[in-house]
Amino acid sequence: MLILPLVAILCLLWGIGLYNSLVIRRNRAENALAAVDALLEKRFDLIPNMVAAVKEYASHEAETFAETTRLRAPAHAQPAESDPDGSERTFSAVSRRFFGIVENYPQLKASENFLHLQRTLNETEEQLSAARRAYNAAATEYNTRTETFPGNLLAGPFGFRKKALLEIPAAERRTPDVATLFDS
């Protein structure tokens, strides 16, 4: 008679532990996605500073600078998980064009402010890449736990949904054509 209540208590404790592990993994994935969003915001906040530095040296390239600034707002407004490659792809293309223009202005490359901003942007890009990898790892761990036994027993009934992974579009996986960076 004592065994039945003991088995029930063990099953309840197992269920609580399983539920808690799902919550922990979901929170890790959401935290990693928030880190990606924070780095995207940091990157987009750097662009106006870079534009201001470059405008001092290349005022006739106003179209590219205006386009970069214009793209900053909608790309910043979209959460990474809901549109990981939409405006982000367009922003990346303009960013490559932006640095292509910089190559045409040696005096700009020598500007201490611009060099600092460029280093900061490159560092942010590296951090963003690492944050994306961390999110994908956390999301994969979470997805695996919610889709495999015994986690799938509680995942569906308690609303644990699969997390989308951040992916790079096929067009951005190709090696960039450097010659096109100088077309303006």
C-alpha atoms as a PDB file:
ATOM      1  CA  MET A   1       0.000   0.000   0.000  1.00  0.00           C
ATOM      2  CA  LEU A   2       2.831   2.364   0.653  1.00  0.00           C
ATOM      3  CA  ILE A   3       4.306   1.741  -2.809  1.00  0.00           C
ATOM      4  CA  LEU A   4       1.412   3.305  -4.770  1.00  0.00           C
ATOM      5  CA  PRO A   5       1.629   6.746  -3.066  1.00  0.00           C
ATOM      6  CA  LEU A   6       5.431   6.611  -3.363  1.00  0.00           C
ATOM      7  CA  VAL A   7       5.202   5.912  -7.122  1.00  0.00           C
ATOM      8  CA  ALA A   8       2.694   8.763  -7.506  1.00  0.00           C
ATOM      9  CA  ILE A   9       4.993  11.167  -5.650  1.00  0.00           C
ATOM     10  CA  LEU A  10       7.986  10.078  -7.769  1.00  0.00           C
ATOM     11  CA  CYS A  11       5.972  10.561 -10.984  1.00  0.00           C
ATOM     12  CA  LEU A  12       4.888  14.017  -9.803  1.00  0.00           C
ATOM     13  CA  LEU A  13       8.484  14.995  -8.954  1.00  0.00           C
ATOM     14  CA  TRP A  14       9.667  13.656 -12.331  1.00  0.00           C
ATOM     15  CA  GLY A  15       6.965  15.696 -14.096  1.00  0.00           C
ATOM     16  CA  ILE A  16       7.913  18.845 -12.188  1.00  0.00           C
ATOM     17  CA  GLY A  17      11.594  18.336 -13.023  1.00  0.00           C
ATOM     18  CA  LEU A  18      10.799  17.746 -16.692  1.00  0.00           C
ATOM     19  CA  TYR A  19       8.561  20.829 -16.874  1.00  0.00           C
ATOM     20  CA  ASN A  20      11.231  22.960 -15.176  1.00  0.00           C
ATOM     21  CA  SER A  21      13.905  21.743 -17.598  1.00  0.00           C
ATOM     22  CA  LEU A  22      11.682  22.759 -20.534  1.00  0.00           C
ATOM     23  CA  VAL A  23      11.142  26.211 -19.015  1.00  0.00           C
ATOM     24  CA  ILE A  24      14.887  26.627 -18.432  1.00  0.00           C
ATOM     25  CA  ARG A  25      15.715  25.702 -22.032  1.00  0.00           C
ATOM     26  CA  ARG A  26      12.994  27.966 -23.419  1.00  0.00           C
ATOM     27  CA  ASN A  27      14.285  30.868 -21.311  1.00  0.00           C
ATOM     28  CA  ARG A  28      17.858  30.242 -22.487  1.00  0.00           C
ATOM     29  CA  ALA A  29      16.714  30.404 -26.124  1.00  0.00           C
ATOM     30  CA  GLU A  30      14.716  33.588 -25.510  1.00  0.00           C
ATOM     31  CA  ASN A  31      17.661  35.163 -23.690  1.00  0.00           C
ATOM     32  CA  ALA A  32      19.990  34.277 -26.569  1.00  0.00           C
ATOM     33  CA  LEU A  33      17.535  35.836 -29.045  1.00  0.00           C
ATOM     34  CA  ALA A  34      17.394  38.974 -26.914  1.00  0.00           C
ATOM     35  CA  ALA A  35      21.201  39.142 -27.109  1.00  0.00           C
ATOM     36  CA  VAL A  36      20.965  39.001 -30.913  1.00  0.00           C
ATOM     37  CA  ASP A  37      18.405  41.815 -30.859  1.00  0.00           C
ATOM     38  CA  ALA A  38      20.604  43.914 -28.558  1.00  0.00           C
ATOM     39  CA  LEU A  39      23.582  43.510 -30.882  1.00  0.00           C
ATOM     40  CA  LEU A  40      21.448  44.354 -33.919  1.00  0.00           C
ATOM     41  CA  GLU A  41      20.367  47.524 -32.152  1.00  0.00           C
ATOM     42  CA  LYS A  42      23.983  48.350 -31.327  1.00  0.00           C
ATOM     43  CA  ARG A  43      24.944  47.842 -34.961  1.00  0.00           C
ATOM     44  CA  PHE A  44      22.133  50.004 -36.263  1.00  0.00           C
ATOM     45  CA  ASP A  45      22.977  52.724 -33.749  1.00  0.00           C
ATOM     46  CA  LEU A  46      26.556  52.851 -35.079  1.00  0.00           C
ATOM     47  CA  ILE A  47      25.461  53.611 -38.617  1.00  0.00           C
ATOM     48  CA  PRO A  48      24.422  57.271 -38.068  1.00  0.00           C
ATOM     49  CA  ASN A  49      27.843  57.946 -36.506  1.00  0.00           C
ATOM     50  CA  MET A  50      29.589  56.369 -39.467  1.00  0.00           C
ATOM     51  CA  VAL A  51      27.392  58.318 -41.863  1.00  0.00           C
ATOM     52  CA  ALA A  52      28.238  61.588 -40.124  1.00  0.00           C
ATOM     53  CA  ALA A  53      31.973  60.858 -40.330  1.00  0.00           C
ATOM     54  CA  VAL A  54      31.801  59.895 -43.979  1.00  0.00           C
ATOM     55  CA  LYS A  55      29.619  62.866 -44.945  1.00  0.00           C
ATOM     56  CA  GLU A  56      32.475  65.162 -44.006  1.00  0.00           C
ATOM     57  CA  TYR A  57      34.628  63.561 -46.704  1.00  0.00           C
ATOM     58  CA  ALA A  58      32.203  62.477 -49.404  1.00  0.00           C
ATOM     59  CA  SER A  59      29.149  64.701 -49.597  1.00  0.00           C
ATOM     60  CA  HIS A  60      28.329  63.689 -53.180  1.00  0.00           C
ATOM     61  CA  GLU A  61      27.609  60.101 -52.076  1.00  0.00           C
ATOM     62  CA  ALA A  62      24.514  61.296 -50.203  1.00  0.00           C
ATOM     63  CA  GLU A  63      22.277  58.720 -51.890  1.00  0.00           C
ATOM     64  CA  THR A  64      24.053  55.767 -50.293  1.00  0.00           C
ATOM     65  CA  PHE A  65      24.193  57.442 -46.904  1.00  0.00           C
ATOM     66  CA  ALA A  66      20.505  58.327 -47.050  1.00  0.00           C
ATOM     67  CA  GLU A  67      19.666  54.772 -48.069  1.00  0.00           C
ATOM     68  CA  THR A  68      21.720  53.374 -45.182  1.00  0.00           C
ATOM     69  CA  THR A  69      19.968  55.637 -42.695  1.00  0.00           C
ATOM     70  CA  ARG A  70      16.554  54.880 -44.214  1.00  0.00           C
ATOM     71  CA  LEU A  71      17.161  51.123 -43.917  1.00  0.00           C
ATOM     72  CA  ARG A  72      18.226  51.433 -40.295  1.00  0.00           C
ATOM     73  CA  ALA A  73      14.711  52.148 -38.982  1.00  0.00           C
ATOM     74  CA  PRO A  74      12.677  49.263 -40.518  1.00  0.00           C
ATOM     75  CA  ALA A  75      15.449  46.739 -39.956  1.00  0.00           C
ATOM     76  CA  HIS A  76      15.682  47.812 -36.320  1.00  0.00           C
ATOM     77  CA  ALA A  77      11.901  47.583 -35.873  1.00  0.00           C
ATOM     78  CA  GLN A  78      11.669  43.907 -36.894  1.00  0.00           C
ATOM     79  CA  PRO A  79      12.495  41.268 -34.282  1.00  0.00           C
ATOM     80  CA  ALA A  80      15.209  38.867 -35.409  1.00  0.00           C
ATOM     81  CA  GLU A  81      13.120  35.725 -34.944  1.00  0.00           C
ATOM     82  CA  SER A  82      10.118  36.951 -36.953  1.00  0.00           C
ATOM     83  CA  ASP A  83      12.193  38.097 -39.959  1.00  0.00           C
ATOM     84  CA  PRO A  84      15.772  36.886 -39.662  1.00  0.00           C
ATOM     85  CA  ASP A  85      16.661  37.642 -43.269  1.00  0.00           C
ATOM     86  CA  GLY A  86      14.246  40.281 -44.639  1.00  0.00           C
ATOM     87  CA  SER A  87      15.436  43.818 -44.037  1.00  0.00           C
ATOM     88  CA  GLU A  88      18.624  42.402 -42.592  1.00  0.00           C
ATOM     89  CA  ARG A  89      19.632  41.211 -46.078  1.00  0.00           C
ATOM     90  CA  THR A  90      18.970  44.630 -47.601  1.00  0.00           C
ATOM     91  CA  PHE A  91      20.892  46.347 -44.826  1.00  0.00           C
ATOM     92  CA  SER A  92      23.860  44.022 -45.358  1.00  0.00           C
ATOM     93  CA  ALA A  93      23.929  44.827 -49.076  1.00  0.00           C
ATOM     94  CA  VAL A  94      23.922  48.570 -48.411  1.00  0.00           C
ATOM     95  CA  SER A  95      26.578  48.107 -45.736  1.00  0.00           C
ATOM     96  CA  ARG A  96      28.846  46.344 -48.256  1.00  0.00           C
ATOM     97  CA  ARG A  97      28.257  49.176 -50.737  1.00  0.00           C
ATOM     98  CA  PHE A  98      29.026  51.681 -47.988  1.00  0.00           C
ATOM     99  CA  PHE A  99      32.412  50.124 -47.296  1.00  0.00           C
ATOM    100  CA  GLY A 100      33.073  49.966 -51.038  1.00  0.00           C
ATOM    101  CA  ILE A 101      32.639  53.726 -51.211  1.00  0.00           C
ATOM    102  CA  VAL A 102      35.022  54.110 -48.303  1.00  0.00           C
ATOM    103  CA  GLU A 103      37.696  52.368 -50.388  1.00  0.00           C
ATOM    104  CA  ASN A 104      37.475  55.262 -52.889  1.00  0.00           C
ATOM    105  CA  TYR A 105      38.361  57.830 -50.208  1.00  0.00           C
ATOM    106  CA  PRO A 106      41.825  57.167 -48.700  1.00  0.00           C
ATOM    107  CA  GLN A 107      41.607  60.273 -46.540  1.00  0.00           C
ATOM    108  CA  LEU A 108      38.412  58.848 -44.983  1.00  0.00           C
ATOM    109  CA  LYS A 109      40.130  55.580 -44.114  1.00  0.00           C
ATOM    110  CA  ALA A 110      42.803  57.601 -42.342  1.00  0.00           C
ATOM    111  CA  SER A 111      40.254  59.444 -40.193  1.00  0.00           C
ATOM    112  CA  GLU A 112      40.697  58.345 -36.588  1.00  0.00           C
ATOM    113  CA  ASN A 113      36.965  58.632 -35.863  1.00  0.00           C
ATOM    114  CA  PHE A 114      36.053  56.554 -38.875  1.00  0.00           C
ATOM    115  CA  LEU A 115      38.657  53.900 -38.097  1.00  0.00           C
ATOM    116  CA  HIS A 116      37.317  53.644 -34.544  1.00  0.00           C
ATOM    117  CA  LEU A 117      33.742  53.337 -35.807  1.00  0.00           C
ATOM    118  CA  GLN A 118      34.778  50.750 -38.382  1.00  0.00           C
ATOM    119  CA  ARG A 119      36.586  48.673 -35.722  1.00  0.00           C
ATOM    120  CA  THR A 120      33.560  48.935 -33.460  1.00  0.00           C
ATOM    121  CA  LEU A 121      31.248  47.824 -36.246  1.00  0.00           C
ATOM    122  CA  ASN A 122      33.511  44.880 -37.109  1.00  0.00           C
ATOM    123  CA  GLU A 123      33.629  43.887 -33.434  1.00  0.00           C
ATOM    124  CA  THR A 124      29.849  44.152 -33.246  1.00  0.00           C
ATOM    125  CA  GLU A 125      29.522  41.949 -36.343  1.00  0.00           C
ATOM    126  CA  GLU A 126      31.709  39.305 -34.682  1.00  0.00           C
ATOM    127  CA  GLN A 127      29.655  39.523 -31.487  1.00  0.00           C
ATOM    128  CA  LEU A 128      26.457  39.293 -33.529  1.00  0.00           C
ATOM    129  CA  SER A 129      27.725  36.185 -35.290  1.00  0.00           C
ATOM    130  CA  ALA A 130      28.580  34.595 -31.929  1.00  0.00           C
ATOM    131  CA  ALA A 131      25.186  35.581 -30.503  1.00  0.00           C
ATOM    132  CA  ARG A 132      23.407  34.013 -33.484  1.00  0.00           C
ATOM    133  CA  ARG A 133      25.364  30.794 -32.953  1.00  0.00           C
ATOM    134  CA  ALA A 134      24.500  30.858 -29.237  1.00  0.00           C
ATOM    135  CA  TYR A 135      20.810  31.387 -30.027  1.00  0.00           C
ATOM    136  CA  ASN A 136      20.785  28.556 -32.567  1.00  0.00           C
ATOM    137  CA  ALA A 137      22.487  26.252 -30.048  1.00  0.00           C
ATOM    138  CA  ALA A 138      19.989  27.165 -27.316  1.00  0.00           C
ATOM    139  CA  ALA A 139      17.036  26.850 -29.702  1.00  0.00           C
ATOM    140  CA  THR A 140      18.286  23.477 -30.955  1.00  0.00           C
ATOM    141  CA  GLU A 141      18.692  22.212 -27.387  1.00  0.00           C
ATOM    142  CA  TYR A 142      15.192  23.452 -26.523  1.00  0.00           C
ATOM    143  CA  ASN A 143      13.663  21.993 -29.701  1.00  0.00           C
ATOM    144  CA  THR A 144      15.356  18.644 -29.112  1.00  0.00           C
ATOM    145  CA  ARG A 145      14.066  18.509 -25.555  1.00  0.00           C
ATOM    146  CA  THR A 146      10.497  19.395 -26.593  1.00  0.00           C
ATOM    147  CA  GLU A 147      10.437  16.964 -29.529  1.00  0.00           C
ATOM    148  CA  THR A 148      11.977  13.892 -27.907  1.00  0.00           C
ATOM    149  CA  PHE A 149      10.619  11.528 -25.309  1.00  0.00           C
ATOM    150  CA  PRO A 150       9.842  12.215 -22.479  1.00  0.00           C
ATOM    151  CA  GLY A 151       9.852  16.004 -23.019  1.00  0.00           C
ATOM    152  CA  ASN A 152       7.270  15.750 -25.769  1.00  0.00           C
ATOM    153  CA  LEU A 153       4.788  14.387 -23.214  1.00  0.00           C
ATOM    154  CA  LEU A 154       4.630  17.790 -21.512  1.00  0.00           C
ATOM    155  CA  ALA A 155       5.712  20.139 -24.313  1.00  0.00           C
ATOM    156  CA  GLY A 156       2.508  20.054 -26.346  1.00  0.00           C
ATOM    157  CA  PRO A 157      -0.022  20.207 -23.519  1.00  0.00           C
ATOM    158  CA  PHE A 158       1.853  23.047 -21.784  1.00  0.00           C
ATOM    159  CA  GLY A 159       2.364  25.148 -24.922  1.00  0.00           C
ATOM    160  CA  PHE A 160       6.083  24.718 -25.528  1.00  0.00           C
ATOM    161  CA  ARG A 161       6.414  25.538 -29.249  1.00  0.00           C
ATOM    162  CA  LYS A 162       9.354  24.937 -31.553  1.00  0.00           C
ATOM    163  CA  LYS A 163      11.807  27.854 -31.904  1.00  0.00           C
ATOM    164  CA  ALA A 164      12.881  28.959 -35.381  1.00  0.00           C
ATOM    165  CA  LEU A 165      16.599  28.960 -36.076  1.00  0.00           C
ATOM    166  CA  LEU A 166      18.305  32.046 -37.484  1.00  0.00           C
ATOM    167  CA  GLU A 167      19.555  31.238 -40.970  1.00  0.00           C
ATOM    168  CA  ILE A 168      21.607  33.119 -43.535  1.00  0.00           C
ATOM    169  CA  PRO A 169      19.936  33.374 -46.966  1.00  0.00           C
ATOM    170  CA  ALA A 170      21.641  31.463 -49.797  1.00  0.00           C
ATOM    171  CA  ALA A 171      22.511  34.727 -51.574  1.00  0.00           C
ATOM    172  CA  GLU A 172      24.660  35.808 -48.620  1.00  0.00           C
ATOM    173  CA  ARG A 173      26.496  32.485 -48.426  1.00  0.00           C
ATOM    174  CA  ARG A 174      28.215  33.192 -51.739  1.00  0.00           C
ATOM    175  CA  THR A 175      31.567  34.944 -51.881  1.00  0.00           C
ATOM    176  CA  PRO A 176      30.885  38.637 -52.549  1.00  0.00           C
ATOM    177  CA  ASP A 177      31.911  40.094 -55.903  1.00  0.00           C
ATOM    178  CA  VAL A 178      34.301  42.806 -54.782  1.00  0.00           C
ATOM    179  CA  ALA A 179      34.124  44.604 -58.129  1.00  0.00           C
ATOM    180  CA  THR A 180      30.465  45.424 -57.584  1.00  0.00           C
ATOM    181  CA  LEU A 181      31.302  47.129 -54.303  1.00  0.00           C
ATOM    182  CA  PHE A 182      32.893  49.968 -56.240  1.00  0.00           C
ATOM    183  CA  ASP A 183      29.839  50.638 -58.456  1.00  0.00           C
ATOM    184  CA  SER A 184      27.987  53.687 -57.277  1.00  0.00           C
END
